[in-house]
Amino acid sequence: MSNNDAFALVLAKIEKCVLLVSNSASRHAAADENVKVYGHLQLADEMENYGMVTRKRLLGVLATWEDDLLV
């Protein structure tokens, strides 16, 4: 886990907020500290559920993200 990941974890614990993670090391460390975590797809689902973004927009962003990962 990087220094930035550790800082984000400490901040999430202090502020009692959800931590957005993209790797298993951060996920496991957050579980050890009883900090709730979301992955990127969970965050996208929550944004749609709360009406913050439309499904069409999310699908477009995810398609762009996927294309970027293939480069």
Protein backbone atom coordinates (compact mmCIF):
# COMPACT_ATOMS: atom_id res chain seq x y z
CA MET A 1 0.00 0.00 0.00
CA SER A 2 1.37 3.39 -0.98
CA ASN A 3 1.78 6.38 1.32
CA ASN A 4 -1.12 8.07 -0.47
CA ASP A 5 -3.34 5.01 0.09
CA ALA A 6 -2.38 4.95 3.78
CA PHE A 7 -3.15 8.66 4.12
CA ALA A 8 -6.55 8.19 2.43
CA LEU A 9 -7.32 5.31 4.81
CA VAL A 10 -6.42 7.35 7.90
CA LEU A 11 -8.49 10.28 6.64
CA ALA A 12 -11.49 8.04 5.89
CA LYS A 13 -11.26 6.57 9.38
CA ILE A 14 -11.02 9.98 11.08
CA GLU A 15 -13.83 11.49 9.02
CA LYS A 16 -15.95 8.30 9.21
CA CYS A 17 -16.49 8.19 5.46
CA VAL A 18 -16.35 5.59 2.73
CA LEU A 19 -12.98 4.91 1.10
CA LEU A 20 -12.81 4.46 -2.67
CA VAL A 21 -10.24 1.74 -3.39
CA SER A 22 -8.83 0.08 -6.47
CA ASN A 23 -6.52 -2.54 -5.00
CA SER A 24 -6.81 -5.46 -2.63
CA ALA A 25 -4.11 -4.23 -0.23
CA SER A 26 -6.09 -1.08 0.51
CA ARG A 27 -9.32 -3.07 0.75
CA HIS A 28 -7.80 -5.45 3.33
CA ALA A 29 -6.23 -2.61 5.32
CA ALA A 30 -9.58 -0.79 5.40
CA ALA A 31 -11.32 -3.96 6.62
CA ASP A 32 -8.74 -4.25 9.41
CA GLU A 33 -9.58 -0.67 10.44
CA ASN A 34 -13.37 -1.12 10.09
CA VAL A 35 -13.56 1.45 7.30
CA LYS A 36 -16.28 0.91 4.69
CA VAL A 37 -14.96 0.68 1.14
CA TYR A 38 -16.40 1.02 -2.34
CA GLY A 39 -14.86 -0.05 -5.61
CA HIS A 40 -15.27 2.12 -8.68
CA LEU A 41 -18.23 0.14 -10.00
CA GLN A 42 -19.98 0.32 -6.63
CA LEU A 43 -19.53 4.08 -6.70
CA ALA A 44 -21.01 4.24 -10.20
CA ASP A 45 -24.04 2.24 -9.00
CA GLU A 46 -24.54 4.54 -6.03
CA MET A 47 -24.29 7.63 -8.23
CA GLU A 48 -27.01 6.23 -10.48
CA ASN A 49 -29.18 5.15 -7.53
CA TYR A 50 -29.11 8.68 -6.11
CA GLY A 51 -29.87 10.27 -9.48
CA MET A 52 -26.49 11.97 -9.69
CA VAL A 53 -25.86 10.59 -13.18
CA THR A 54 -27.91 8.84 -15.84
CA ARG A 55 -27.34 5.24 -16.85
CA LYS A 56 -26.60 6.41 -20.41
CA ARG A 57 -23.86 8.74 -19.14
CA LEU A 58 -22.41 6.03 -16.90
CA LEU A 59 -22.26 3.54 -19.74
CA GLY A 60 -20.50 6.11 -21.90
CA VAL A 61 -17.94 6.86 -19.21
CA LEU A 62 -17.35 3.17 -18.51
CA ALA A 63 -16.89 2.47 -22.22
CA THR A 64 -14.34 5.30 -22.45
CA TRP A 65 -12.60 3.98 -19.34
CA GLU A 66 -12.46 0.48 -20.82
CA ASP A 67 -11.03 1.82 -24.09
CA ASP A 68 -8.40 3.76 -22.15
CA LEU A 69 -7.36 0.61 -20.25
CA LEU A 70 -6.79 -1.22 -23.53
CA VAL A 71 -4.22 1.32 -24.78
